[in-house]
């Protein structure tokens, strides 16, 4: 299993564009008063879609302020779930399951192929920046 790492290259600022701002507010309205922080996963997904399929730290801080919750709580959610990317990924993003059942079925053959064809290290873009891979 891999450990999630944060990209070294981070944008300074992040804000939802006007369309996503409206969507985020509609999502928050689905929750009862005092429970809006439960929208954190949906807002992280919106931020990831807006930011070329990865979530920068500035987006996590923005979401924390947006939901009036501690930044560390947003960070915990983003780092726990494999659906959130914390580094840039290519247009073609391959996720390889390497749990015991998958390992028995040959997952590491796929990992070796990715190392040869895409990049030596996971979470690293290919030379043409179109593809990346990771273990999940």
N, C-alpha and C. Protein backbone atom coordinates (compact mmCIF):
# COMPACT_ATOMS: atom_id res chain seq x y z
N UNK A 1 0.84 -1.17 0.00
CA UNK A 1 0.00 0.00 0.00
C UNK A 1 0.89 1.23 0.00
N UNK A 2 0.46 2.24 -0.71
CA UNK A 2 1.28 3.44 -0.81
C UNK A 2 0.88 4.47 0.24
N UNK A 3 1.79 5.37 0.53
CA UNK A 3 1.53 6.47 1.43
C UNK A 3 1.26 7.70 0.56
N UNK A 4 0.20 8.42 0.86
CA UNK A 4 -0.13 9.60 0.06
C UNK A 4 0.83 10.73 0.38
N UNK A 5 1.37 11.29 -0.67
CA UNK A 5 2.27 12.43 -0.51
C UNK A 5 1.66 13.64 -1.18
N UNK A 6 1.98 14.78 -0.64
CA UNK A 6 1.49 16.05 -1.16
C UNK A 6 2.48 16.55 -2.20
N UNK A 7 1.96 17.14 -3.27
CA UNK A 7 2.81 17.69 -4.31
C UNK A 7 3.69 18.81 -3.76
N UNK A 8 4.93 18.85 -4.21
CA UNK A 8 5.84 19.92 -3.79
C UNK A 8 5.46 21.23 -4.46
N UNK A 9 4.94 21.15 -5.68
CA UNK A 9 4.51 22.35 -6.41
C UNK A 9 3.06 22.65 -6.07
N UNK A 10 2.84 23.73 -5.36
CA UNK A 10 1.50 24.10 -4.89
C UNK A 10 1.13 25.49 -5.39
N UNK A 11 -0.09 25.64 -5.87
CA UNK A 11 -0.54 27.01 -6.18
C UNK A 11 -0.75 27.79 -4.89
N UNK A 12 -0.59 29.09 -4.97
CA UNK A 12 -0.73 29.92 -3.76
C UNK A 12 -2.19 30.06 -3.34
N UNK A 13 -3.10 30.13 -4.31
CA UNK A 13 -4.51 30.39 -4.00
C UNK A 13 -5.42 29.39 -4.69
N UNK A 14 -6.59 29.26 -4.13
CA UNK A 14 -7.65 28.46 -4.74
C UNK A 14 -8.98 29.06 -4.33
N UNK A 15 -9.90 29.12 -5.26
CA UNK A 15 -11.29 29.51 -5.01
C UNK A 15 -12.15 28.73 -5.98
N UNK A 16 -13.36 28.38 -5.55
CA UNK A 16 -14.30 27.79 -6.49
C UNK A 16 -14.65 28.82 -7.55
N UNK A 17 -14.75 28.36 -8.80
CA UNK A 17 -15.26 29.27 -9.82
C UNK A 17 -16.74 29.49 -9.54
N UNK A 18 -17.38 30.41 -10.24
CA UNK A 18 -18.76 30.78 -9.92
C UNK A 18 -19.72 29.60 -10.02
N UNK A 19 -19.55 28.76 -11.02
CA UNK A 19 -20.43 27.60 -11.18
C UNK A 19 -20.26 26.63 -10.00
N UNK A 20 -19.02 26.32 -9.65
CA UNK A 20 -18.77 25.40 -8.55
C UNK A 20 -19.15 26.00 -7.19
N UNK A 21 -19.05 27.31 -7.07
CA UNK A 21 -19.48 27.98 -5.84
C UNK A 21 -20.98 27.77 -5.63
N UNK A 22 -21.75 27.90 -6.71
CA UNK A 22 -23.19 27.66 -6.64
C UNK A 22 -23.49 26.20 -6.28
N UNK A 23 -22.79 25.29 -6.92
CA UNK A 23 -22.99 23.87 -6.66
C UNK A 23 -22.66 23.54 -5.21
N UNK A 24 -21.56 24.08 -4.71
CA UNK A 24 -21.15 23.83 -3.32
C UNK A 24 -22.22 24.33 -2.35
N UNK A 25 -22.75 25.51 -2.61
CA UNK A 25 -23.80 26.05 -1.73
C UNK A 25 -25.07 25.21 -1.76
N UNK A 26 -25.41 24.69 -2.93
CA UNK A 26 -26.59 23.81 -3.03
C UNK A 26 -26.36 22.52 -2.26
N UNK A 27 -25.15 21.98 -2.33
CA UNK A 27 -24.83 20.75 -1.60
C UNK A 27 -24.94 20.99 -0.10
N UNK A 28 -24.41 22.10 0.37
CA UNK A 28 -24.43 22.42 1.80
C UNK A 28 -25.88 22.55 2.30
N UNK A 29 -26.78 23.04 1.46
CA UNK A 29 -28.18 23.19 1.85
C UNK A 29 -28.87 21.84 2.10
N UNK A 30 -28.28 20.75 1.63
CA UNK A 30 -28.86 19.42 1.85
C UNK A 30 -28.67 18.92 3.27
N UNK A 31 -27.83 19.62 4.04
CA UNK A 31 -27.51 19.17 5.40
C UNK A 31 -28.22 20.05 6.42
N UNK A 32 -28.64 19.47 7.55
CA UNK A 32 -29.30 20.28 8.59
C UNK A 32 -28.34 21.29 9.20
N UNK A 33 -28.89 22.31 9.82
CA UNK A 33 -28.06 23.32 10.49
C UNK A 33 -27.08 22.67 11.45
N UNK A 34 -25.84 23.10 11.39
CA UNK A 34 -24.81 22.58 12.27
C UNK A 34 -24.14 21.32 11.74
N UNK A 35 -24.63 20.77 10.63
CA UNK A 35 -24.06 19.53 10.07
C UNK A 35 -23.48 19.75 8.67
N UNK A 36 -23.26 21.00 8.29
CA UNK A 36 -22.76 21.32 6.95
C UNK A 36 -21.36 20.75 6.69
N UNK A 37 -20.61 20.50 7.74
CA UNK A 37 -19.26 19.95 7.56
C UNK A 37 -19.30 18.57 6.93
N UNK A 38 -20.45 17.92 6.97
CA UNK A 38 -20.60 16.62 6.34
C UNK A 38 -20.47 16.69 4.82
N UNK A 39 -20.50 17.88 4.27
CA UNK A 39 -20.36 18.08 2.83
C UNK A 39 -18.90 18.08 2.38
N UNK A 40 -17.98 17.83 3.29
CA UNK A 40 -16.55 17.95 2.98
C UNK A 40 -16.13 17.06 1.81
N UNK A 41 -16.62 15.83 1.75
CA UNK A 41 -16.21 14.93 0.66
C UNK A 41 -16.69 15.45 -0.70
N UNK A 42 -17.91 15.92 -0.75
CA UNK A 42 -18.44 16.45 -2.01
C UNK A 42 -17.66 17.69 -2.45
N UNK A 43 -17.32 18.55 -1.51
CA UNK A 43 -16.58 19.76 -1.86
C UNK A 43 -15.15 19.44 -2.29
N UNK A 44 -14.54 18.46 -1.66
CA UNK A 44 -13.21 18.03 -2.11
C UNK A 44 -13.26 17.51 -3.54
N UNK A 45 -14.30 16.76 -3.86
CA UNK A 45 -14.45 16.24 -5.22
C UNK A 45 -14.62 17.38 -6.22
N UNK A 46 -15.42 18.38 -5.86
CA UNK A 46 -15.61 19.53 -6.74
C UNK A 46 -14.28 20.25 -6.96
N UNK A 47 -13.53 20.44 -5.89
CA UNK A 47 -12.22 21.11 -6.00
C UNK A 47 -11.28 20.30 -6.89
N UNK A 48 -11.29 19.00 -6.74
CA UNK A 48 -10.41 18.15 -7.55
C UNK A 48 -10.78 18.27 -9.02
N UNK A 49 -12.06 18.23 -9.34
CA UNK A 49 -12.50 18.36 -10.73
C UNK A 49 -12.09 19.71 -11.31
N UNK A 50 -12.23 20.75 -10.50
CA UNK A 50 -11.90 22.10 -10.98
C UNK A 50 -10.40 22.26 -11.20
N UNK A 51 -9.60 21.57 -10.43
CA UNK A 51 -8.15 21.77 -10.46
C UNK A 51 -7.41 20.63 -11.17
N UNK A 52 -7.86 20.25 -12.34
CA UNK A 52 -7.19 19.25 -13.19
C UNK A 52 -6.96 17.92 -12.49
N UNK A 53 -7.95 17.48 -11.75
CA UNK A 53 -7.99 16.15 -11.13
C UNK A 53 -7.00 15.96 -9.98
N UNK A 54 -6.64 17.04 -9.29
CA UNK A 54 -5.88 16.91 -8.04
C UNK A 54 -6.21 18.09 -7.12
N UNK A 55 -6.01 17.86 -5.82
CA UNK A 55 -6.40 18.84 -4.81
C UNK A 55 -5.16 19.46 -4.16
N UNK A 56 -4.94 20.75 -4.38
CA UNK A 56 -3.81 21.42 -3.71
C UNK A 56 -4.16 21.76 -2.26
N UNK A 57 -3.14 22.03 -1.48
CA UNK A 57 -3.35 22.41 -0.07
C UNK A 57 -4.21 23.66 0.06
N UNK A 58 -4.03 24.60 -0.86
CA UNK A 58 -4.83 25.83 -0.80
C UNK A 58 -6.32 25.53 -0.96
N UNK A 59 -6.67 24.50 -1.72
CA UNK A 59 -8.08 24.11 -1.87
C UNK A 59 -8.61 23.52 -0.57
N UNK A 60 -7.78 22.73 0.11
CA UNK A 60 -8.21 22.16 1.39
C UNK A 60 -8.44 23.27 2.42
N UNK A 61 -7.57 24.27 2.43
CA UNK A 61 -7.74 25.39 3.35
C UNK A 61 -8.98 26.20 3.00
N UNK A 62 -9.22 26.37 1.72
CA UNK A 62 -10.41 27.10 1.26
C UNK A 62 -11.68 26.36 1.69
N UNK A 63 -11.70 25.06 1.51
CA UNK A 63 -12.86 24.25 1.89
C UNK A 63 -13.07 24.30 3.41
N UNK A 64 -11.99 24.25 4.16
CA UNK A 64 -12.10 24.34 5.62
C UNK A 64 -12.77 25.64 6.03
N UNK A 65 -12.37 26.75 5.43
CA UNK A 65 -13.01 28.04 5.74
C UNK A 65 -14.45 28.06 5.25
N UNK A 66 -14.67 27.51 4.08
CA UNK A 66 -16.01 27.46 3.48
C UNK A 66 -16.99 26.72 4.38
N UNK A 67 -16.51 25.64 5.02
CA UNK A 67 -17.36 24.83 5.88
C UNK A 67 -17.20 25.16 7.37
N UNK A 68 -16.38 26.15 7.66
CA UNK A 68 -16.13 26.55 9.05
C UNK A 68 -15.70 25.36 9.91
N UNK A 69 -14.63 24.71 9.46
CA UNK A 69 -14.11 23.56 10.19
C UNK A 69 -12.59 23.62 10.20
N UNK A 70 -11.93 22.93 11.11
CA UNK A 70 -10.47 22.97 11.15
C UNK A 70 -9.86 22.37 9.87
N UNK A 71 -8.83 23.02 9.40
CA UNK A 71 -8.13 22.57 8.18
C UNK A 71 -7.68 21.12 8.30
N UNK A 72 -7.21 20.70 9.47
CA UNK A 72 -6.69 19.35 9.65
C UNK A 72 -7.76 18.31 9.38
N UNK A 73 -9.01 18.62 9.66
CA UNK A 73 -10.12 17.68 9.41
C UNK A 73 -10.31 17.46 7.91
N UNK A 74 -10.20 18.51 7.13
CA UNK A 74 -10.30 18.40 5.67
C UNK A 74 -9.10 17.60 5.15
N UNK A 75 -7.94 17.91 5.68
CA UNK A 75 -6.71 17.21 5.29
C UNK A 75 -6.83 15.71 5.60
N UNK A 76 -7.38 15.36 6.75
CA UNK A 76 -7.54 13.95 7.13
C UNK A 76 -8.42 13.21 6.13
N UNK A 77 -9.50 13.83 5.71
CA UNK A 77 -10.40 13.20 4.74
C UNK A 77 -9.69 13.04 3.40
N UNK A 78 -9.03 14.09 2.95
CA UNK A 78 -8.35 14.06 1.64
C UNK A 78 -7.23 13.03 1.58
N UNK A 79 -6.54 12.84 2.69
CA UNK A 79 -5.43 11.87 2.69
C UNK A 79 -5.91 10.45 2.95
N UNK A 80 -7.09 10.28 3.50
CA UNK A 80 -7.58 8.93 3.81
C UNK A 80 -8.13 8.21 2.58
N UNK A 81 -8.89 8.90 1.77
CA UNK A 81 -9.58 8.26 0.65
C UNK A 81 -8.73 8.28 -0.62
N UNK A 82 -8.67 7.12 -1.29
CA UNK A 82 -7.86 7.01 -2.51
C UNK A 82 -8.48 7.74 -3.69
N UNK A 83 -9.73 8.15 -3.59
CA UNK A 83 -10.37 8.87 -4.70
C UNK A 83 -9.85 10.30 -4.85
N UNK A 84 -9.16 10.80 -3.82
CA UNK A 84 -8.62 12.15 -3.89
C UNK A 84 -7.14 12.10 -4.24
N UNK A 85 -6.77 12.89 -5.24
CA UNK A 85 -5.37 12.97 -5.68
C UNK A 85 -4.74 14.23 -5.10
N UNK A 86 -3.59 14.07 -4.47
CA UNK A 86 -2.92 15.20 -3.84
C UNK A 86 -1.69 15.66 -4.61
N UNK A 87 -1.48 15.02 -5.76
CA UNK A 87 -0.43 15.43 -6.69
C UNK A 87 -1.02 15.42 -8.09
N UNK A 88 -0.42 16.15 -9.03
CA UNK A 88 -0.95 16.14 -10.40
C UNK A 88 -0.95 14.72 -10.97
N UNK A 89 -1.99 14.41 -11.70
CA UNK A 89 -2.10 13.12 -12.37
C UNK A 89 -2.30 13.38 -13.86
N UNK A 90 -1.96 12.39 -14.66
CA UNK A 90 -2.13 12.53 -16.10
C UNK A 90 -3.57 12.37 -16.53
N UNK A 91 -3.81 12.63 -17.79
CA UNK A 91 -5.14 12.42 -18.37
C UNK A 91 -5.53 10.96 -18.20
N UNK A 92 -4.54 10.09 -18.34
CA UNK A 92 -4.75 8.66 -18.14
C UNK A 92 -4.12 8.30 -16.81
N UNK A 93 -4.96 7.98 -15.85
CA UNK A 93 -4.51 7.75 -14.48
C UNK A 93 -4.85 6.32 -14.10
N UNK A 94 -3.85 5.52 -13.84
CA UNK A 94 -4.01 4.10 -13.55
C UNK A 94 -3.82 3.87 -12.06
N UNK A 95 -4.80 3.21 -11.45
CA UNK A 95 -4.73 2.85 -10.04
C UNK A 95 -4.69 1.33 -9.96
N UNK A 96 -3.68 0.81 -9.29
CA UNK A 96 -3.49 -0.63 -9.20
C UNK A 96 -3.70 -1.08 -7.76
N UNK A 97 -4.63 -1.99 -7.58
CA UNK A 97 -4.87 -2.58 -6.27
C UNK A 97 -3.72 -3.53 -5.95
N UNK A 98 -3.10 -3.35 -4.79
CA UNK A 98 -2.00 -4.23 -4.39
C UNK A 98 -2.27 -4.89 -3.05
N UNK A 99 -3.56 -5.05 -2.71
CA UNK A 99 -3.89 -5.80 -1.51
C UNK A 99 -3.55 -7.28 -1.75
N UNK A 100 -3.59 -8.09 -0.72
CA UNK A 100 -3.20 -9.49 -0.84
C UNK A 100 -3.93 -10.24 -1.95
N UNK A 101 -5.26 -10.16 -2.05
CA UNK A 101 -5.92 -10.89 -3.14
C UNK A 101 -5.45 -10.44 -4.52
N UNK A 102 -5.27 -9.13 -4.69
CA UNK A 102 -4.80 -8.61 -5.98
C UNK A 102 -3.35 -9.00 -6.24
N UNK A 103 -2.54 -8.98 -5.17
CA UNK A 103 -1.14 -9.39 -5.29
C UNK A 103 -1.06 -10.83 -5.77
N UNK A 104 -1.89 -11.71 -5.21
CA UNK A 104 -1.89 -13.12 -5.60
C UNK A 104 -2.25 -13.27 -7.08
N UNK A 105 -3.12 -12.38 -7.57
CA UNK A 105 -3.56 -12.45 -8.97
C UNK A 105 -2.61 -11.73 -9.93
N UNK A 106 -1.49 -11.21 -9.44
CA UNK A 106 -0.49 -10.65 -10.32
C UNK A 106 -0.41 -9.14 -10.38
N UNK A 107 -0.85 -8.47 -9.34
CA UNK A 107 -0.84 -7.00 -9.34
C UNK A 107 0.56 -6.44 -9.56
N UNK A 108 1.57 -7.10 -9.02
CA UNK A 108 2.92 -6.54 -9.14
C UNK A 108 3.49 -6.66 -10.55
N UNK A 109 2.90 -7.52 -11.37
CA UNK A 109 3.27 -7.53 -12.80
C UNK A 109 2.78 -6.23 -13.44
N UNK A 110 1.60 -5.79 -13.04
CA UNK A 110 1.08 -4.52 -13.54
C UNK A 110 1.92 -3.34 -13.04
N UNK A 111 2.32 -3.40 -11.77
CA UNK A 111 3.18 -2.35 -11.21
C UNK A 111 4.49 -2.28 -12.01
N UNK A 112 5.09 -3.43 -12.27
CA UNK A 112 6.34 -3.45 -13.04
C UNK A 112 6.14 -2.87 -14.44
N UNK A 113 5.02 -3.19 -15.07
CA UNK A 113 4.73 -2.64 -16.40
C UNK A 113 4.60 -1.12 -16.35
N UNK A 114 3.91 -0.63 -15.32
CA UNK A 114 3.76 0.82 -15.17
C UNK A 114 5.11 1.50 -14.95
N UNK A 115 5.97 0.85 -14.17
CA UNK A 115 7.31 1.41 -13.93
C UNK A 115 8.10 1.50 -15.22
N UNK A 116 7.93 0.54 -16.11
CA UNK A 116 8.66 0.52 -17.38
C UNK A 116 8.05 1.47 -18.40
N UNK A 117 6.74 1.50 -18.49
CA UNK A 117 6.06 2.23 -19.57
C UNK A 117 5.68 3.67 -19.22
N UNK A 118 5.41 3.94 -17.93
CA UNK A 118 4.90 5.27 -17.57
C UNK A 118 5.96 6.08 -16.83
N UNK A 119 6.31 5.63 -15.64
CA UNK A 119 7.33 6.32 -14.84
C UNK A 119 7.87 5.35 -13.80
N UNK A 120 9.10 5.57 -13.42
CA UNK A 120 9.76 4.70 -12.45
C UNK A 120 9.04 4.71 -11.10
N UNK A 121 8.53 5.86 -10.72
CA UNK A 121 7.88 6.03 -9.42
C UNK A 121 6.40 6.31 -9.59
N UNK A 122 5.62 5.79 -8.65
CA UNK A 122 4.19 6.11 -8.67
C UNK A 122 3.99 7.58 -8.34
N UNK A 123 2.83 8.08 -8.71
CA UNK A 123 2.48 9.50 -8.50
C UNK A 123 3.43 10.44 -9.21
N UNK A 124 4.00 9.96 -10.29
CA UNK A 124 4.93 10.76 -11.09
C UNK A 124 4.42 10.73 -12.52
N UNK A 125 4.33 11.88 -13.16
CA UNK A 125 3.83 11.95 -14.52
C UNK A 125 4.81 11.34 -15.51
N UNK A 126 4.27 10.77 -16.58
CA UNK A 126 5.11 10.25 -17.66
C UNK A 126 5.85 11.42 -18.31
N UNK A 127 6.81 11.11 -19.17
CA UNK A 127 7.60 12.16 -19.80
C UNK A 127 6.73 13.15 -20.57
N UNK A 128 5.69 12.63 -21.24
CA UNK A 128 4.80 13.52 -22.00
C UNK A 128 3.67 14.10 -21.16
N UNK A 129 3.68 13.80 -19.86
CA UNK A 129 2.73 14.32 -18.87
C UNK A 129 1.28 13.89 -19.11
N UNK A 130 1.09 12.82 -19.89
CA UNK A 130 -0.28 12.38 -20.20
C UNK A 130 -0.75 11.23 -19.32
N UNK A 131 0.15 10.60 -18.59
CA UNK A 131 -0.20 9.39 -17.86
C UNK A 131 0.54 9.32 -16.52
N UNK A 132 -0.14 8.72 -15.55
CA UNK A 132 0.50 8.46 -14.25
C UNK A 132 -0.17 7.25 -13.63
N UNK A 133 0.45 6.73 -12.57
CA UNK A 133 -0.07 5.53 -11.92
C UNK A 133 0.18 5.60 -10.42
N UNK A 134 -0.59 4.81 -9.69
CA UNK A 134 -0.41 4.71 -8.25
C UNK A 134 -0.94 3.38 -7.76
N UNK A 135 -0.44 2.98 -6.61
CA UNK A 135 -0.97 1.78 -5.94
C UNK A 135 -2.10 2.23 -5.01
N UNK A 136 -3.15 1.44 -4.95
CA UNK A 136 -4.25 1.71 -4.02
C UNK A 136 -4.59 0.44 -3.26
